Protein backbone atom coordinates (compact mmCIF):
# COMPACT_ATOMS: atom_id res chain seq x y z
CA MET A 1 -6.57 19.77 -13.42
CA LYS A 2 -6.29 19.41 -9.64
CA LYS A 3 -4.67 16.01 -10.10
CA PHE A 4 -1.90 17.50 -12.23
CA VAL A 5 -1.32 20.29 -9.70
CA ILE A 6 -0.89 17.67 -6.98
CA LEU A 7 1.51 15.68 -9.14
CA PHE A 8 3.49 18.82 -9.95
CA LEU A 9 3.88 19.61 -6.25
CA LEU A 10 4.96 16.07 -5.55
CA LEU A 11 7.59 16.30 -8.25
CA GLN A 12 9.02 19.30 -6.44
CA ALA A 13 8.93 17.55 -3.07
CA PRO A 14 12.27 15.72 -3.37
CA LEU A 15 14.01 19.09 -3.33
CA LEU A 16 12.81 19.41 0.26
CA ALA A 17 12.41 15.78 1.24
CA ALA A 18 14.47 13.95 3.81
CA GLN A 19 14.29 11.21 6.39
CA ALA A 20 11.17 9.33 7.60
CA PRO A 21 9.72 6.30 5.78
CA GLN A 22 6.12 6.92 7.02
CA LYS A 23 4.41 9.38 9.27
CA GLY A 24 7.29 10.82 11.33
CA ALA A 25 9.38 7.78 10.66
CA GLU A 26 12.56 9.46 12.00
CA LEU A 27 13.11 11.29 15.27
CA HIS A 28 13.26 15.07 14.94
CA GLN A 29 16.91 15.53 15.88
CA VAL A 30 17.55 17.85 18.80
CA VAL A 31 18.72 21.27 17.66
CA GLU A 32 22.42 21.68 18.24
CA THR A 33 22.48 25.05 19.92
CA GLU A 34 25.46 26.79 21.44
CA THR A 35 26.37 25.73 24.94
CA THR A 36 25.08 29.03 26.32
CA HIS A 37 21.53 28.21 25.21
CA HIS A 38 18.96 25.74 26.43
CA TYR A 39 17.12 23.41 24.11
CA ILE A 40 13.80 24.98 23.18
CA GLY A 41 11.85 22.02 24.59
CA GLU A 42 13.16 22.83 28.07
CA GLU A 43 11.51 26.26 27.97
CA LEU A 44 8.14 25.54 26.36
CA PRO A 45 5.14 25.38 28.74
CA LEU A 46 2.49 22.69 28.49
CA TRP A 47 -0.09 25.19 27.25
CA SER A 48 1.95 25.60 24.06
CA GLY A 49 0.24 22.36 23.04
CA LEU A 50 -3.19 24.05 22.96
CA PRO A 51 -3.17 24.56 19.14
CA PHE A 52 -2.58 20.81 18.80
CA LEU A 53 -5.57 20.19 21.05
CA GLY A 54 -7.50 22.72 18.98
CA ILE A 55 -6.95 20.96 15.67
CA LEU A 56 -7.81 17.59 17.24
CA LEU A 57 -11.07 18.99 18.60
CA SER A 58 -11.82 20.54 15.21
CA ILE A 59 -11.35 17.15 13.50
CA ALA A 60 -13.58 15.59 16.15
CA LEU A 61 -16.39 18.15 16.41
CA PHE A 62 -16.79 19.99 13.10
CA PRO A 63 -17.90 16.90 11.12
CA LEU A 64 -20.63 16.42 13.75
CA LEU A 65 -21.72 20.00 14.43
CA ALA A 66 -21.10 21.63 11.04
CA PRO A 67 -20.54 18.89 8.44
CA GLU A 68 -21.21 21.11 5.41
CA PHE A 69 -18.79 23.77 6.63
CA TRP A 70 -16.16 21.13 7.41
CA HIS A 71 -16.45 19.45 4.03
CA HIS A 72 -15.78 22.70 2.18
CA HIS A 73 -13.38 24.43 4.57
CA TYR A 74 -11.32 21.83 6.45
CA PRO A 75 -8.07 23.01 4.72
CA LYS A 76 -8.71 26.51 6.09
CA VAL A 77 -9.35 25.14 9.59
CA ALA A 78 -6.03 23.25 9.47
CA LEU A 79 -4.26 26.40 8.24
CA PHE A 80 -5.87 28.46 11.04
CA TRP A 81 -4.51 26.23 13.80
CA ALA A 82 -1.11 26.02 12.09
CA LEU A 83 -0.88 29.82 12.09
CA VAL A 84 -2.11 30.07 15.70
CA LEU A 85 1.02 28.09 16.62
CA ALA A 86 3.48 29.36 14.01
CA ILE A 87 3.06 33.14 14.38
CA PRO A 88 3.72 33.52 18.14
CA PHE A 89 6.25 30.69 18.01
CA LEU A 90 8.28 32.57 15.40
CA ILE A 91 7.89 35.90 17.19
CA PHE A 92 9.17 34.62 20.54
CA TYR A 93 11.74 32.01 19.46
CA LYS A 94 12.77 33.38 16.07
CA HIS A 95 15.57 31.27 14.50
CA GLU A 96 15.06 28.32 16.84
CA ALA A 97 11.36 28.22 15.96
CA LEU A 98 12.09 28.52 12.25
CA HIS A 99 14.57 25.65 12.54
CA GLU A 100 11.99 23.44 14.28
CA ILE A 101 9.32 24.25 11.69
CA LEU A 102 11.62 23.60 8.73
CA HIS A 103 12.87 20.43 10.38
CA ILE A 104 9.47 18.86 10.92
CA TYR A 105 8.28 19.62 7.39
CA ILE A 106 11.50 18.68 5.59
CA THR A 107 12.33 15.56 7.61
CA ASP A 108 8.85 14.35 8.48
CA TYR A 109 5.85 15.82 6.69
CA ILE A 110 7.04 15.84 3.08
CA PRO A 111 8.44 12.27 3.14
CA PHE A 112 5.30 11.18 5.02
CA ILE A 113 3.04 12.52 2.26
CA ILE A 114 5.28 11.19 -0.52
CA LEU A 115 5.15 7.68 0.94
CA LEU A 116 1.39 7.81 1.50
CA TRP A 117 0.80 9.18 -1.99
CA SER A 118 2.93 6.50 -3.66
CA LEU A 119 1.28 3.66 -1.74
CA PHE A 120 -2.19 5.13 -2.28
CA THR A 121 -1.55 5.57 -6.01
CA VAL A 122 0.02 2.17 -6.63
CA ALA A 123 -2.46 0.20 -4.50
CA GLY A 124 -5.32 2.10 -6.15
CA GLY A 125 -4.31 0.57 -9.48
CA ILE A 126 -4.81 -2.99 -8.21
CA PHE A 127 -8.38 -4.22 -8.67
CA LEU A 128 -9.53 -7.61 -7.41
CA LYS A 129 -12.38 -8.40 -9.77
CA GLY A 130 -14.89 -11.15 -9.12
CA THR A 131 -17.46 -12.37 -6.64
CA ILE A 132 -16.40 -12.09 -3.01
CA ILE A 133 -19.14 -12.67 -0.46
CA GLY A 134 -18.61 -10.86 2.84
CA THR A 135 -19.40 -13.76 5.17
CA PRO A 136 -17.87 -13.73 8.66
CA LEU A 137 -15.38 -16.44 7.68
CA ASN A 138 -14.35 -14.70 4.44
CA ASN A 139 -13.95 -11.41 6.29
CA VAL A 140 -11.71 -12.99 8.93
CA ILE A 141 -9.59 -14.56 6.19
CA MET A 142 -9.14 -11.13 4.54
CA LEU A 143 -8.23 -9.59 7.90
CA ILE A 144 -5.68 -12.34 8.55
CA ILE A 145 -4.10 -11.80 5.11
CA GLY A 146 -3.92 -8.04 5.66
CA THR A 147 -2.52 -8.44 9.19
CA ILE A 148 0.24 -10.74 7.97
CA LEU A 149 1.10 -8.50 5.03
CA ALA A 150 1.36 -5.45 7.29
CA SER A 151 4.64 -6.57 8.87
CA TRP A 152 6.28 -7.07 5.47
CA MET A 153 4.92 -4.24 3.33
CA GLY A 154 4.07 -1.76 6.07
CA THR A 155 0.74 -1.02 7.68
CA THR A 156 0.03 1.68 5.10
CA GLY A 157 0.81 -0.58 2.13
CA ALA A 158 -1.26 -3.48 3.47
CA ALA A 159 -4.16 -1.19 4.37
CA MET A 160 -4.23 0.50 0.97
CA LEU A 161 -4.06 -2.88 -0.79
CA MET A 162 -6.79 -4.60 1.23
CA ILE A 163 -9.35 -1.95 2.20
CA ARG A 164 -11.20 -1.65 -1.12
CA PRO A 165 -11.65 -5.42 -1.69
CA PHE A 166 -12.74 -5.71 1.95
CA LEU A 167 -15.35 -2.97 1.54
CA ARG A 168 -16.62 -4.29 -1.79
CA ALA A 169 -17.07 -7.78 -0.34
CA ASN A 170 -19.35 -6.28 2.31
CA ARG A 171 -21.19 -3.76 0.14
CA GLY A 172 -24.52 -5.50 0.79
CA ARG A 173 -24.11 -5.48 4.58
CA LYS A 174 -25.94 -2.87 6.68
CA ASN A 175 -23.54 -2.75 9.64
CA ARG A 176 -20.10 -2.03 8.21
CA ALA A 177 -18.57 0.59 10.51
CA PHE A 178 -17.37 -1.99 13.04
CA MET A 179 -15.70 -3.92 10.19
CA VAL A 180 -13.61 -0.91 9.19
CA CYS A 181 -12.71 -0.17 12.81
CA PHE A 182 -11.40 -3.71 13.32
CA PHE A 183 -9.59 -3.39 9.98
CA ILE A 184 -7.84 -0.31 11.43
CA PHE A 185 -7.04 -2.20 14.65
CA LEU A 186 -5.49 -5.17 12.89
CA VAL A 187 -4.24 -4.32 9.40
CA ALA A 188 -3.40 -0.64 9.90
CA ASN A 189 -1.67 -1.07 13.27
CA ILE A 190 -1.13 -4.29 15.25
CA GLY A 191 -0.23 -6.24 12.11
CA GLY A 192 2.87 -4.10 11.62
CA SER A 193 4.57 -5.12 14.86
CA LEU A 194 6.77 -8.00 13.69
CA THR A 195 9.43 -6.37 11.48
CA PRO A 196 11.01 -2.92 11.05
CA LEU A 197 9.17 -2.71 7.71
CA GLY A 198 5.86 -2.82 9.50
CA ASP A 199 5.74 0.51 11.33
CA PRO A 200 7.93 3.63 11.60
CA PRO A 201 9.03 3.28 15.26
CA LEU A 202 10.34 -0.24 14.66
CA PHE A 203 12.18 0.97 11.57
CA LEU A 204 13.66 3.73 13.69
CA GLY A 205 14.81 1.16 16.25
CA PHE A 206 16.44 -0.81 13.44
CA LEU A 207 18.35 2.30 12.37
CA HIS A 208 19.56 2.76 15.95
CA GLY A 209 20.92 -0.75 16.35
CA VAL A 210 18.00 -3.07 17.11
CA PRO A 211 18.54 -6.24 14.98
CA PHE A 212 16.09 -6.66 12.08
CA PHE A 213 14.51 -9.89 13.33
CA TRP A 214 14.58 -8.95 17.02
CA THR A 215 11.03 -7.59 16.71
CA PHE A 216 9.78 -11.18 16.42
CA LYS A 217 10.34 -11.18 20.19
CA ILE A 218 6.95 -9.50 20.48
CA PHE A 219 5.26 -12.24 18.44
CA PRO A 220 3.54 -13.60 21.60
CA GLN A 221 2.10 -10.14 22.35
CA PHE A 222 1.10 -9.78 18.71
CA LEU A 223 -0.54 -13.21 18.70
CA LEU A 224 -2.50 -12.53 21.89
CA ALA A 225 -3.71 -9.09 20.78
CA ALA A 226 -4.45 -9.97 17.15
CA GLY A 227 -5.91 -13.38 17.99
CA THR A 228 -8.24 -11.96 20.64
CA LEU A 229 -9.44 -9.21 18.32
CA MET A 230 -9.99 -11.72 15.48
CA VAL A 231 -12.20 -13.86 17.73
CA ILE A 232 -14.16 -10.81 18.91
CA TYR A 233 -14.57 -9.67 15.30
CA TYR A 234 -15.82 -13.08 14.17
CA LEU A 235 -18.40 -13.18 16.96
CA LEU A 236 -19.60 -9.66 16.18
CA ASP A 237 -19.71 -10.27 12.44
CA SER A 238 -21.59 -13.54 12.92
CA TYR A 239 -24.15 -11.80 15.15
CA TYR A 240 -24.84 -9.03 12.63
CA TYR A 241 -24.78 -11.48 9.71
CA ARG A 242 -27.57 -13.52 11.32
CA LYS A 243 -29.45 -10.40 12.42
CA GLU A 244 -29.41 -8.95 8.91
CA LYS A 245 -30.52 -12.31 7.52
CA ILE A 246 -28.04 -12.12 4.68
CA GLU A 247 -28.74 -14.50 1.84
CA VAL A 248 -25.88 -15.66 -0.32
CA PRO A 249 -26.58 -14.36 -3.86
CA LYS A 250 -27.52 -17.08 -6.32
CA GLY A 251 -26.54 -17.12 -9.95
CA VAL A 252 -23.32 -17.04 -11.87
CA LYS A 253 -20.30 -16.18 -9.75
CA VAL A 254 -17.60 -14.16 -11.44
CA PRO A 255 -14.21 -15.85 -10.92
CA LEU A 256 -11.56 -13.81 -9.11
CA THR A 257 -9.08 -12.04 -11.35
CA LEU A 258 -6.49 -9.41 -10.53
CA GLU A 259 -6.46 -6.40 -12.82
CA GLY A 260 -3.52 -4.03 -12.66
CA TRP A 261 -1.44 -6.88 -11.21
CA TYR A 262 1.78 -5.26 -12.41
CA ASN A 263 1.29 -2.68 -9.68
CA LEU A 264 2.28 -5.38 -7.20
CA PHE A 265 5.84 -5.09 -8.53
CA LEU A 266 5.68 -1.32 -8.07
CA LEU A 267 4.42 -1.92 -4.52
CA LEU A 268 7.42 -4.17 -3.90
CA GLY A 269 9.61 -1.39 -5.26
CA VAL A 270 8.20 1.00 -2.65
CA VAL A 271 9.04 -1.45 0.15
CA ILE A 272 12.59 -2.00 -1.17
CA ALA A 273 13.18 1.75 -1.55
CA VAL A 274 12.14 2.37 2.06
CA LEU A 275 14.31 -0.48 3.35
CA LEU A 276 17.39 0.61 1.39
CA SER A 277 17.04 4.18 2.66
CA GLY A 278 17.68 2.82 6.14
CA ILE A 279 20.62 0.65 5.14
CA LEU A 280 22.59 2.84 2.71
CA ASN A 281 24.75 5.72 3.84
CA LEU A 282 25.47 8.07 0.94
CA GLY A 283 26.24 11.14 2.98
CA GLU A 284 24.09 14.20 3.42
CA VAL A 285 23.37 17.67 2.15
CA LYS A 286 21.79 20.65 3.86
CA ILE A 287 18.53 22.12 2.62
CA LEU A 288 17.62 25.43 4.26
CA GLY A 289 20.04 24.52 7.02
CA ILE A 290 18.45 21.12 7.69
CA PRO A 291 20.66 18.01 7.23
CA VAL A 292 19.13 15.71 4.60
CA ALA A 293 20.43 12.21 3.91
CA ILE A 294 21.14 11.69 0.21
CA GLN A 295 19.75 8.15 0.30
CA ASP A 296 16.46 9.56 1.58
CA LEU A 297 16.27 12.09 -1.23
CA LEU A 298 16.90 9.21 -3.61
CA ARG A 299 14.18 7.15 -1.89
CA ASP A 300 11.61 9.91 -2.27
CA ILE A 301 12.46 10.41 -5.94
CA ILE A 302 12.01 6.65 -6.49
CA LEU A 303 8.67 6.68 -4.64
CA ILE A 304 7.32 9.50 -6.78
CA THR A 305 8.63 7.81 -9.93
CA LEU A 306 6.89 4.55 -9.01
CA GLY A 307 3.64 6.41 -8.40
CA LEU A 308 3.86 8.19 -11.74
CA ILE A 309 4.62 4.91 -13.52
CA SER A 310 1.50 3.44 -11.92
CA ILE A 311 -0.59 6.34 -13.21
CA LEU A 312 0.85 5.99 -16.72
CA VAL A 313 0.57 2.21 -17.11
CA THR A 314 -2.72 1.55 -15.31
CA PRO A 315 -5.78 1.99 -17.57
CA LYS A 316 -8.28 4.54 -16.28
CA ILE A 317 -11.04 1.93 -16.34
CA VAL A 318 -9.17 -0.12 -13.70
CA ARG A 319 -9.05 2.83 -11.31
CA ASP A 320 -12.69 3.63 -12.06
CA GLU A 321 -13.71 0.05 -11.28
CA ASN A 322 -11.71 0.36 -8.07
CA GLU A 323 -13.69 3.54 -7.22
CA PHE A 324 -10.40 5.40 -6.97
CA THR A 325 -10.34 9.18 -6.42
CA TRP A 326 -7.74 11.60 -5.08
CA GLU A 327 -9.95 13.00 -2.30
CA PRO A 328 -8.69 10.77 0.58
CA ILE A 329 -5.03 11.67 0.01
CA LYS A 330 -5.91 15.36 -0.32
CA GLU A 331 -7.76 15.28 3.00
CA VAL A 332 -4.83 13.61 4.74
CA ALA A 333 -2.32 16.04 3.18
CA TYR A 334 -4.23 19.15 4.30
CA LEU A 335 -5.10 17.98 7.82
CA PHE A 336 -1.70 16.53 8.64
CA ALA A 337 0.01 19.70 7.43
CA GLY A 338 -1.75 21.41 10.34
CA ILE A 339 -1.24 18.51 12.73
CA PHE A 340 2.52 18.38 12.13
CA MET A 341 2.86 22.12 12.73
CA THR A 342 0.86 22.15 15.97
CA MET A 343 2.64 19.01 17.18
CA ILE A 344 6.03 20.78 17.32
CA PRO A 345 5.87 22.07 20.93
CA VAL A 346 4.50 18.79 22.28
CA LEU A 347 7.28 16.76 20.67
CA ALA A 348 9.91 19.28 21.77
CA ILE A 349 8.72 19.06 25.38
CA LEU A 350 8.85 15.28 25.21
CA ARG A 351 12.38 15.32 23.77
CA ALA A 352 13.53 17.55 26.63
CA GLY A 353 12.88 14.60 28.94
CA GLU A 354 13.21 15.36 32.65
CA LEU A 355 14.32 18.91 31.86
CA GLY A 356 11.02 19.81 30.20
CA ALA A 357 7.42 20.35 31.26
CA ALA A 358 6.70 16.65 30.75
CA ALA A 359 9.21 15.69 33.48
CA PRO A 360 6.52 14.16 35.78
CA ILE A 361 5.53 11.76 33.00
CA ILE A 362 9.12 10.78 32.25
CA LYS A 363 9.92 10.26 35.93
CA PHE A 364 6.76 8.19 36.43
CA VAL A 365 7.89 5.59 33.91
CA LYS A 366 9.62 2.78 35.83
CA GLY A 367 8.71 -0.80 34.90
CA PRO A 368 7.82 -2.43 31.55
CA ALA A 369 4.08 -1.92 32.15
CA HIS A 370 4.67 1.82 32.58
CA PHE A 371 6.70 1.96 29.39
CA PHE A 372 3.98 0.05 27.51
CA TRP A 373 1.15 2.34 28.60
CA VAL A 374 2.93 5.71 28.54
CA THR A 375 4.62 5.08 25.20
CA GLY A 376 1.32 3.77 23.86
CA SER A 377 -0.87 6.54 25.23
CA LEU A 378 1.32 9.26 23.74
CA SER A 379 1.59 7.33 20.46
CA SER A 380 -2.21 7.38 20.21
CA PHE A 381 -2.10 11.10 19.49
CA LEU A 382 1.49 12.02 18.69
CA ASP A 383 4.07 10.90 16.19
CA ASN A 384 4.85 7.39 17.46
CA ALA A 385 8.40 7.35 16.04
CA PRO A 386 9.92 10.10 18.23
CA THR A 387 7.78 8.87 21.14
CA TYR A 388 9.36 5.43 20.73
CA LEU A 389 12.87 6.88 20.62
CA THR A 390 12.20 9.16 23.60
CA PHE A 391 11.36 6.23 25.84
CA LEU A 392 14.06 4.02 24.34
CA SER A 393 16.52 6.73 25.38
CA THR A 394 14.84 6.92 28.79
CA ALA A 395 15.32 3.17 29.30
CA THR A 396 18.95 3.05 28.12
CA GLY A 397 19.80 6.18 30.09
CA ARG A 398 18.30 4.71 33.25
CA PHE A 399 20.13 1.38 33.05
CA TYR A 400 23.33 2.42 31.24
CA PRO A 401 24.02 6.13 31.81
CA GLY A 402 26.95 7.43 29.80
CA VAL A 403 27.23 4.28 27.69
CA PRO A 404 27.29 4.80 23.86
CA GLU A 405 23.86 4.26 22.31
CA GLY A 406 24.68 1.14 20.28
CA VAL A 407 26.28 -0.60 23.26
CA ALA A 408 23.47 0.47 25.59
CA ILE A 409 20.78 -0.90 23.26
CA ALA A 410 22.66 -4.22 22.94
CA HIS A 411 22.82 -4.50 26.74
CA LEU A 412 19.15 -3.49 27.07
CA ILE A 413 18.16 -6.28 24.68
CA ALA A 414 20.33 -8.86 26.48
CA GLU A 415 19.56 -7.88 30.08
CA HIS A 416 16.25 -5.99 30.11
CA GLY A 417 14.58 -7.07 26.87
CA SER A 418 11.07 -6.77 28.31
CA TYR A 419 11.51 -2.98 28.45
CA LEU A 420 12.23 -2.72 24.74
CA GLU A 421 9.41 -5.16 24.01
CA ALA A 422 7.02 -2.96 26.00
CA ILE A 423 8.16 0.21 24.22
CA SER A 424 7.90 -1.42 20.78
CA ALA A 425 4.49 -2.98 21.39
CA GLY A 426 3.13 0.18 22.96
CA ALA A 427 4.24 2.41 20.09
CA VAL A 428 2.70 0.11 17.46
CA PHE A 429 -0.41 -1.29 19.18
CA PHE A 430 -1.73 2.00 20.55
CA GLY A 431 -1.63 3.68 17.15
CA SER A 432 -5.04 2.06 16.67
CA MET A 433 -6.61 4.05 19.52
CA THR A 434 -7.43 7.11 17.40
CA TYR A 435 -7.84 8.08 13.75
CA ILE A 436 -4.55 10.02 13.89
CA GLY A 437 -2.57 7.38 15.81
CA ASN A 438 -0.99 5.97 12.66
CA ALA A 439 -0.66 7.12 9.07
CA PRO A 440 -3.16 4.73 7.40
CA ASN A 441 -5.97 5.14 9.97
CA PHE A 442 -7.27 8.41 8.59
CA MET A 443 -6.83 7.20 5.02
CA VAL A 444 -8.83 4.03 5.67
CA ARG A 445 -11.60 6.07 7.26
CA SER A 446 -11.68 8.47 4.28
CA ILE A 447 -11.80 5.64 1.72
CA ALA A 448 -14.57 3.91 3.69
CA GLU A 449 -16.69 7.06 3.76
CA GLU A 450 -16.05 7.64 0.07
CA MET A 451 -17.33 4.11 -0.58
CA ASN A 452 -20.55 4.89 1.35
CA THR A 453 -19.66 3.30 4.67
CA PRO A 454 -20.74 5.69 7.46
CA MET A 455 -17.91 5.95 9.98
CA PRO A 456 -17.99 7.11 13.60
CA SER A 457 -16.65 10.53 14.50
CA PHE A 458 -13.21 11.05 16.05
CA PHE A 459 -14.58 10.63 19.59
CA GLY A 460 -17.18 8.12 18.45
CA TYR A 461 -14.42 5.84 17.20
CA MET A 462 -12.71 6.02 20.58
CA LEU A 463 -15.80 5.67 22.77
CA LYS A 464 -17.62 3.01 20.75
CA TYR A 465 -14.69 0.96 19.50
CA SER A 466 -11.14 1.54 20.71
CA PHE A 467 -12.02 2.02 24.40
CA VAL A 468 -14.48 -0.88 24.32
CA PHE A 469 -12.41 -3.43 22.40
CA LEU A 470 -8.78 -2.35 22.48
CA LEU A 471 -8.28 -1.28 26.09
CA PRO A 472 -9.35 -4.66 27.54
CA VAL A 473 -7.00 -6.40 25.10
CA PHE A 474 -4.12 -4.12 26.08
CA ILE A 475 -4.87 -4.73 29.78
CA LEU A 476 -4.73 -8.46 29.04
CA VAL A 477 -1.36 -8.03 27.28
CA THR A 478 -0.09 -6.11 30.33
CA ILE A 479 -1.21 -8.79 32.78
CA VAL A 480 0.27 -11.64 30.76
CA PHE A 481 3.58 -10.06 29.72
CA TYR A 482 4.39 -6.97 31.81
CA HIS A 483 2.86 -7.53 35.24
């Protein structure tokens, strides 16, 4: 019954849906207030971000300190923090606050969930049946395939397609948490850095005038980061493989077959729908006062339709064999509903630039290395799409003040391309630093836990994995390309 309730709500979603191909894939446009008013982000203090910190700490600590409570009540915790922000925000800022809240849910959250749901549903109907042995070499091959696919079908699509076969291949292994963490590093994040289809900030840059294939400029950074992590993974996997004394199973090996293969065409349809929504211009309508592009409404209707087709045409036994349930997407939907609400003041302060409370950060950013680390650090916790556009605007405004955006971006690419490379790489690469840094991270973690792979906590992931393995790689990228 719950499944049908979810589907019913999703069917209603296009009435409120708008721009953003993945998590926050479009910048929250600055509210056009009357000239006698200041933009709300210029007035908000830094402590208005405390509810956002509160929900992050809840995600980090409750599963450790009160796992039973968290399992049963995490939607209520998310709602609590959302209300802690929304109630005083509405009381003090009234119409401006209501506009910001409607904007983030209509233009970001609803399309974000629709895209995740469609990819999750369609990919969940594809079952790779047969004997796959999780040897270090086989695992690296799967990671390479997923990393390559991520730039062409999006990090979320590649992650949803590859995570279950990857986990099944390693079902007999004792140490699996590090495998999933490296999967998040590579497939769910860094792999999406080569085309606008790969990750929301790059798609946003494409919409603002960055040529489609320009992102291949960061192929050297991608190759260094991904290649280094692949080598580290292989060494780690080989160590644990020998330590666990894994014996290759003897007997009849089941040949590989792909059940639910027709879902691959539906998956391609999702990618095409997202791409076309950024190319077409069919005008716009206003929903509750928020401008909504018609092509984006059309995209979201197509995405839901493709998901429903997948449900109808895929036999239940295929999803059962794939160990498919709706719990991971429900968890993401509830938690990110709270995250998007509490994120509003932080994003508004960032968008205010040097006129807001984050002015010291904006002013600090000078060279490409600064842009790489500041864009990346903020993208680890915030919506990386508006973060990307904030610092893109900072760079163009610094070099070409008063020049129209399209012309300024063209000049930035021609004369100061390393700045845009740093912003792009930072926004994509650093999404792997936390579970909430990019849309598929949390989903991959949820699917892994559902398939009996114990995963580190929010802080455990950072302290044991991203700080240990990613930060040195990012320092290396800085030294080689941005020093």
